[in-house]
N, C-alpha and C. Protein backbone atom coordinates (compact mmCIF):
# COMPACT_ATOMS: atom_id res chain seq x y z
N UNK A 1 -12.12 19.22 2.80
CA UNK A 1 -11.40 18.54 3.87
C UNK A 1 -9.85 18.99 3.73
N UNK A 2 -8.99 18.99 5.68
CA UNK A 2 -7.77 19.57 5.47
C UNK A 2 -6.52 19.04 4.45
N UNK A 3 -5.42 19.89 4.64
CA UNK A 3 -4.76 19.22 4.03
C UNK A 3 -3.75 18.28 4.71
N UNK A 4 -3.86 18.36 6.32
CA UNK A 4 -3.15 17.20 6.84
C UNK A 4 -3.99 15.69 6.61
N UNK A 5 -4.94 16.35 6.65
CA UNK A 5 -5.87 15.13 6.19
C UNK A 5 -5.52 14.39 5.34
N UNK A 6 -5.78 14.49 4.32
CA UNK A 6 -5.72 14.33 3.08
C UNK A 6 -4.50 14.08 2.56
N UNK A 7 -2.84 14.52 3.34
CA UNK A 7 -1.68 13.82 2.66
C UNK A 7 -2.15 12.65 4.17
N UNK A 8 -2.70 12.48 5.09
CA UNK A 8 -2.28 11.45 5.69
C UNK A 8 -3.05 9.98 4.61
N UNK A 9 -4.00 10.82 4.73
CA UNK A 9 -4.73 9.09 3.41
C UNK A 9 -3.99 9.05 2.49
N UNK A 10 -3.17 10.26 1.57
CA UNK A 10 -2.78 9.84 0.35
C UNK A 10 -1.75 8.40 1.06
N UNK A 11 -0.64 8.77 2.12
CA UNK A 11 0.34 8.18 2.43
C UNK A 11 -0.60 7.17 2.94
N UNK A 12 -1.55 6.57 3.60
CA UNK A 12 -1.59 5.25 3.68
C UNK A 12 -2.21 4.90 2.83
N UNK A 13 -2.57 5.56 2.03
CA UNK A 13 -3.15 4.70 0.91
C UNK A 13 -1.89 4.10 0.05
N UNK A 14 -1.15 4.93 -0.17
CA UNK A 14 0.32 4.66 -1.03
C UNK A 14 0.57 3.79 -0.11
N UNK A 15 1.41 3.42 0.97
CA UNK A 15 1.84 2.59 2.09
C UNK A 15 1.29 1.63 1.91
N UNK A 16 -0.22 1.17 1.91
CA UNK A 16 -1.15 0.00 1.44
C UNK A 16 -0.69 -1.17 0.48
N UNK A 17 -1.33 0.17 -0.74
CA UNK A 17 -0.86 -0.54 -1.78
C UNK A 17 0.85 -0.84 -2.16
N UNK A 18 1.45 -0.38 -1.58
CA UNK A 18 2.34 -0.78 -1.17
C UNK A 18 2.86 -2.97 -0.39
N UNK A 19 2.60 -1.93 0.02
CA UNK A 19 1.84 -3.73 0.86
C UNK A 19 1.66 -4.86 0.37
N UNK A 20 -0.06 -4.17 -0.03
CA UNK A 20 0.08 -5.41 -0.56
C UNK A 20 0.54 -5.78 -1.80
N UNK A 21 1.13 -4.63 -2.62
CA UNK A 21 1.87 -5.13 -4.06
C UNK A 21 3.37 -6.72 -3.36
N UNK A 22 3.75 -6.05 -2.55
CA UNK A 22 5.14 -6.67 -1.69
C UNK A 22 3.96 -8.18 -1.34
N UNK A 23 3.29 -8.09 -0.31
CA UNK A 23 2.73 -9.49 -0.32
C UNK A 23 1.93 -10.28 -1.44
N UNK A 24 1.72 -9.36 -2.86
CA UNK A 24 1.46 -10.32 -4.27
C UNK A 24 2.36 -11.29 -4.90
N UNK A 25 3.89 -10.19 -4.47
CA UNK A 25 4.92 -10.99 -5.12
C UNK A 25 5.42 -11.90 -4.55
N UNK A 26 5.56 -11.96 -2.82
CA UNK A 26 5.57 -13.07 -2.47
C UNK A 26 4.87 -14.38 -2.35
N UNK A 27 3.50 -13.73 -2.58
CA UNK A 27 2.94 -14.38 -2.70
C UNK A 27 3.45 -15.78 -4.03
N UNK A 28 3.78 -15.18 -4.99
CA UNK A 28 3.77 -16.00 -6.38
C UNK A 28 4.31 -17.06 -6.05
N UNK A 29 6.20 -16.16 -5.40
CA UNK A 29 6.83 -16.46 -5.82
C UNK A 29 6.89 -18.40 -4.69
N UNK A 30 6.18 -17.96 -3.70
CA UNK A 30 5.38 -18.92 -2.63
C UNK A 30 4.82 -19.88 -3.88
N UNK A 31 4.26 -19.68 -4.02
CA UNK A 31 3.22 -20.12 -5.23
C UNK A 31 4.12 -21.50 -6.08
N UNK A 32 4.90 -20.65 -6.39
CA UNK A 32 6.29 -21.56 -7.77
C UNK A 32 6.49 -22.85 -7.24
């Protein structure tokens, strides 16, 4: 695996997890 591709995958994964975290927070807020 090339370093560039590995870095890209890592960034996408961390961004996705951050988005899911935010979505989860918003969902919990809306459920209250």
